[in-house]
């Protein structure tokens, strides 16, 4: 399980690099979305590893907030308002 967490952390580092150096705004949005997915996976793995139920609740909340944020950024990049 520790190997999975290390590999996911390495993937998050590469996504952080793409978010900082991305040539376009859509590349940056996608990399931030992938980072949030990776952090959700790490939180879920930690919940399973240490048998802490609260971390699973945190992972679910993080996934929902990430989804809403991605939808909002997508609408903003299209030039539409949030209530369309």
N, C-alpha and C. Protein backbone atom coordinates (compact mmCIF):
# COMPACT_ATOMS: atom_id res chain seq x y z
N UNK A 1 0.82 -1.19 0.00
CA UNK A 1 0.00 0.00 0.00
C UNK A 1 0.87 1.26 0.00
N UNK A 2 2.03 1.19 0.65
CA UNK A 2 2.92 2.34 0.67
C UNK A 2 3.48 2.64 -0.72
N UNK A 3 3.67 1.59 -1.50
CA UNK A 3 4.18 1.79 -2.87
C UNK A 3 3.15 2.55 -3.71
N UNK A 4 1.88 2.23 -3.53
CA UNK A 4 0.83 2.94 -4.26
C UNK A 4 0.79 4.42 -3.89
N UNK A 5 0.95 4.71 -2.61
CA UNK A 5 0.94 6.10 -2.16
C UNK A 5 2.13 6.86 -2.73
N UNK A 6 3.28 6.22 -2.78
CA UNK A 6 4.47 6.86 -3.36
C UNK A 6 4.28 7.11 -4.85
N UNK A 7 3.73 6.14 -5.56
CA UNK A 7 3.50 6.32 -7.00
C UNK A 7 2.47 7.41 -7.28
N UNK A 8 1.41 7.45 -6.47
CA UNK A 8 0.41 8.50 -6.64
C UNK A 8 1.00 9.88 -6.32
N UNK A 9 1.87 9.94 -5.32
CA UNK A 9 2.52 11.21 -4.99
C UNK A 9 3.43 11.67 -6.12
N UNK A 10 4.10 10.73 -6.74
CA UNK A 10 4.94 11.07 -7.89
C UNK A 10 4.09 11.60 -9.04
N UNK A 11 2.95 10.98 -9.27
CA UNK A 11 2.03 11.46 -10.30
C UNK A 11 1.50 12.85 -9.98
N UNK A 12 1.25 13.12 -8.71
CA UNK A 12 0.78 14.45 -8.30
C UNK A 12 1.87 15.49 -8.54
N UNK A 13 3.12 15.11 -8.32
CA UNK A 13 4.23 16.02 -8.59
C UNK A 13 4.29 16.38 -10.07
N UNK A 14 4.13 15.39 -10.94
CA UNK A 14 4.14 15.66 -12.38
C UNK A 14 2.96 16.53 -12.80
N UNK A 15 1.81 16.32 -12.17
CA UNK A 15 0.66 17.17 -12.47
C UNK A 15 0.88 18.60 -11.99
N UNK A 16 1.55 18.75 -10.84
CA UNK A 16 1.87 20.08 -10.35
C UNK A 16 2.81 20.79 -11.32
N UNK A 17 3.76 20.06 -11.87
CA UNK A 17 4.66 20.64 -12.87
C UNK A 17 3.87 21.12 -14.09
N UNK A 18 2.92 20.30 -14.56
CA UNK A 18 2.11 20.68 -15.72
C UNK A 18 1.21 21.87 -15.38
N UNK A 19 0.74 21.95 -14.16
CA UNK A 19 -0.11 23.08 -13.77
C UNK A 19 0.69 24.38 -13.75
N UNK A 20 1.94 24.30 -13.38
CA UNK A 20 2.77 25.50 -13.33
C UNK A 20 3.35 25.88 -14.69
N UNK A 21 3.64 24.90 -15.53
CA UNK A 21 4.30 25.15 -16.81
C UNK A 21 3.42 24.90 -18.02
N UNK A 22 2.14 24.64 -17.82
CA UNK A 22 1.26 24.30 -18.93
C UNK A 22 1.16 25.40 -19.97
N UNK A 23 1.15 25.05 -21.23
CA UNK A 23 1.09 26.09 -22.26
C UNK A 23 -0.28 26.77 -22.36
N UNK A 24 -1.33 26.09 -21.95
CA UNK A 24 -2.66 26.69 -22.06
C UNK A 24 -3.41 26.54 -20.74
N UNK A 25 -4.48 27.30 -20.61
CA UNK A 25 -5.27 27.26 -19.39
C UNK A 25 -6.00 25.92 -19.25
N UNK A 26 -6.38 25.32 -20.37
CA UNK A 26 -7.06 24.03 -20.27
C UNK A 26 -6.13 22.93 -19.77
N UNK A 27 -4.85 22.99 -20.15
CA UNK A 27 -3.87 22.04 -19.60
C UNK A 27 -3.76 22.19 -18.09
N UNK A 28 -3.78 23.41 -17.63
CA UNK A 28 -3.67 23.66 -16.19
C UNK A 28 -4.91 23.18 -15.44
N UNK A 29 -6.08 23.39 -16.03
CA UNK A 29 -7.32 22.95 -15.38
C UNK A 29 -7.35 21.43 -15.29
N UNK A 30 -6.96 20.75 -16.37
CA UNK A 30 -6.96 19.29 -16.37
C UNK A 30 -5.96 18.76 -15.36
N UNK A 31 -4.79 19.37 -15.25
CA UNK A 31 -3.79 18.87 -14.30
C UNK A 31 -4.24 19.08 -12.86
N UNK A 32 -4.91 20.19 -12.58
CA UNK A 32 -5.43 20.40 -11.22
C UNK A 32 -6.54 19.39 -10.92
N UNK A 33 -7.36 19.07 -11.91
CA UNK A 33 -8.41 18.08 -11.72
C UNK A 33 -7.81 16.70 -11.45
N UNK A 34 -6.78 16.35 -12.18
CA UNK A 34 -6.12 15.06 -11.96
C UNK A 34 -5.45 15.03 -10.59
N UNK A 35 -4.87 16.16 -10.16
CA UNK A 35 -4.28 16.21 -8.83
C UNK A 35 -5.33 15.99 -7.75
N UNK A 36 -6.50 16.54 -7.93
CA UNK A 36 -7.55 16.34 -6.92
C UNK A 36 -8.01 14.88 -6.90
N UNK A 37 -8.04 14.23 -8.05
CA UNK A 37 -8.37 12.81 -8.10
C UNK A 37 -7.29 11.99 -7.38
N UNK A 38 -6.03 12.36 -7.61
CA UNK A 38 -4.93 11.65 -6.95
C UNK A 38 -5.00 11.84 -5.44
N UNK A 39 -5.28 13.06 -4.97
CA UNK A 39 -5.38 13.29 -3.54
C UNK A 39 -6.56 12.55 -2.93
N UNK A 40 -7.65 12.43 -3.69
CA UNK A 40 -8.78 11.64 -3.23
C UNK A 40 -8.39 10.17 -3.07
N UNK A 41 -7.64 9.65 -4.03
CA UNK A 41 -7.19 8.26 -3.95
C UNK A 41 -6.24 8.05 -2.78
N UNK A 42 -5.33 8.99 -2.56
CA UNK A 42 -4.41 8.87 -1.44
C UNK A 42 -5.16 8.89 -0.12
N UNK A 43 -6.15 9.77 -0.01
CA UNK A 43 -6.94 9.84 1.22
C UNK A 43 -7.71 8.55 1.45
N UNK A 44 -8.27 7.97 0.40
CA UNK A 44 -8.99 6.70 0.53
C UNK A 44 -8.04 5.57 0.91
N UNK A 45 -6.85 5.55 0.34
CA UNK A 45 -5.88 4.52 0.71
C UNK A 45 -5.44 4.66 2.16
N UNK A 46 -5.27 5.89 2.61
CA UNK A 46 -4.90 6.09 4.01
C UNK A 46 -6.03 5.65 4.94
N UNK A 47 -7.28 5.87 4.53
CA UNK A 47 -8.42 5.42 5.33
C UNK A 47 -8.44 3.90 5.44
N UNK A 48 -8.13 3.23 4.34
CA UNK A 48 -8.09 1.77 4.39
C UNK A 48 -6.90 1.25 5.19
N UNK A 49 -5.77 1.92 5.04
CA UNK A 49 -4.56 1.48 5.72
C UNK A 49 -4.65 1.60 7.23
N UNK A 50 -5.15 2.75 7.71
CA UNK A 50 -5.18 3.00 9.14
C UNK A 50 -6.56 2.79 9.76
N UNK A 51 -7.52 2.33 8.96
CA UNK A 51 -8.88 2.00 9.41
C UNK A 51 -9.54 3.20 10.12
N UNK A 52 -9.51 4.34 9.42
CA UNK A 52 -10.13 5.56 9.93
C UNK A 52 -11.27 5.92 8.98
N UNK A 53 -12.50 5.80 9.46
CA UNK A 53 -13.67 6.03 8.61
C UNK A 53 -13.81 7.49 8.21
N UNK A 54 -13.36 8.40 9.07
CA UNK A 54 -13.48 9.82 8.78
C UNK A 54 -12.72 10.20 7.51
N UNK A 55 -11.60 9.54 7.24
CA UNK A 55 -10.84 9.86 6.03
C UNK A 55 -11.60 9.48 4.77
N UNK A 56 -12.41 8.43 4.83
CA UNK A 56 -13.22 8.06 3.67
C UNK A 56 -14.28 9.13 3.41
N UNK A 57 -14.87 9.66 4.49
CA UNK A 57 -15.82 10.76 4.33
C UNK A 57 -15.13 11.98 3.71
N UNK A 58 -13.92 12.25 4.15
CA UNK A 58 -13.15 13.35 3.59
C UNK A 58 -12.85 13.14 2.11
N UNK A 59 -12.54 11.91 1.73
CA UNK A 59 -12.26 11.60 0.32
C UNK A 59 -13.49 11.82 -0.55
N UNK A 60 -14.66 11.40 -0.05
CA UNK A 60 -15.90 11.59 -0.80
C UNK A 60 -16.21 13.08 -0.95
N UNK A 61 -16.02 13.84 0.12
CA UNK A 61 -16.26 15.29 0.06
C UNK A 61 -15.31 15.96 -0.91
N UNK A 62 -14.04 15.55 -0.89
CA UNK A 62 -13.06 16.11 -1.81
C UNK A 62 -13.42 15.81 -3.26
N UNK A 63 -13.91 14.61 -3.52
CA UNK A 63 -14.29 14.25 -4.89
C UNK A 63 -15.48 15.09 -5.36
N UNK A 64 -16.44 15.31 -4.50
CA UNK A 64 -17.61 16.12 -4.88
C UNK A 64 -17.21 17.56 -5.15
N UNK A 65 -16.39 18.13 -4.27
CA UNK A 65 -15.94 19.51 -4.47
C UNK A 65 -15.08 19.66 -5.72
N UNK A 66 -14.28 18.66 -6.01
CA UNK A 66 -13.47 18.68 -7.22
C UNK A 66 -14.34 18.66 -8.47
N UNK A 67 -15.38 17.85 -8.45
CA UNK A 67 -16.29 17.77 -9.58
C UNK A 67 -16.99 19.10 -9.81
N UNK A 68 -17.48 19.71 -8.74
CA UNK A 68 -18.17 20.99 -8.87
C UNK A 68 -17.21 22.07 -9.37
N UNK A 69 -15.99 22.07 -8.86
CA UNK A 69 -15.00 23.05 -9.30
C UNK A 69 -14.64 22.89 -10.77
N UNK A 70 -14.53 21.66 -11.23
CA UNK A 70 -14.22 21.42 -12.64
C UNK A 70 -15.36 21.89 -13.53
N UNK A 71 -16.59 21.64 -13.11
CA UNK A 71 -17.73 22.13 -13.89
C UNK A 71 -17.75 23.66 -13.95
N UNK A 72 -17.47 24.31 -12.83
CA UNK A 72 -17.47 25.77 -12.80
C UNK A 72 -16.37 26.34 -13.68
N UNK A 73 -15.18 25.75 -13.63
CA UNK A 73 -14.09 26.24 -14.48
C UNK A 73 -14.37 26.00 -15.96
N UNK A 74 -15.00 24.88 -16.27
CA UNK A 74 -15.36 24.61 -17.66
C UNK A 74 -16.35 25.62 -18.20
N UNK A 75 -17.33 25.96 -17.40
CA UNK A 75 -18.30 26.99 -17.82
C UNK A 75 -17.62 28.36 -17.95
N UNK A 76 -16.72 28.66 -17.04
CA UNK A 76 -16.01 29.94 -17.11
C UNK A 76 -15.16 30.03 -18.38
N UNK A 77 -14.48 28.94 -18.72
CA UNK A 77 -13.64 28.94 -19.92
C UNK A 77 -14.45 29.03 -21.20
N UNK A 78 -15.70 28.56 -21.17
CA UNK A 78 -16.58 28.70 -22.33
C UNK A 78 -17.12 30.13 -22.45
N UNK A 79 -17.03 30.87 -21.38
CA UNK A 79 -17.54 32.25 -21.40
C UNK A 79 -18.99 32.34 -20.98
N UNK A 80 -19.55 31.27 -20.44
CA UNK A 80 -20.93 31.27 -19.99
C UNK A 80 -20.98 31.56 -18.50
N UNK A 81 -22.12 32.03 -18.04
CA UNK A 81 -22.27 32.28 -16.61
C UNK A 81 -22.61 30.97 -15.90
N UNK A 82 -22.51 30.97 -14.59
CA UNK A 82 -22.72 29.76 -13.83
C UNK A 82 -24.18 29.33 -13.77
N UNK A 83 -25.11 30.25 -14.05
CA UNK A 83 -26.52 29.87 -13.98
C UNK A 83 -27.11 29.46 -15.32
N UNK A 84 -26.29 29.31 -16.36
CA UNK A 84 -26.79 28.85 -17.66
C UNK A 84 -27.05 27.36 -17.65
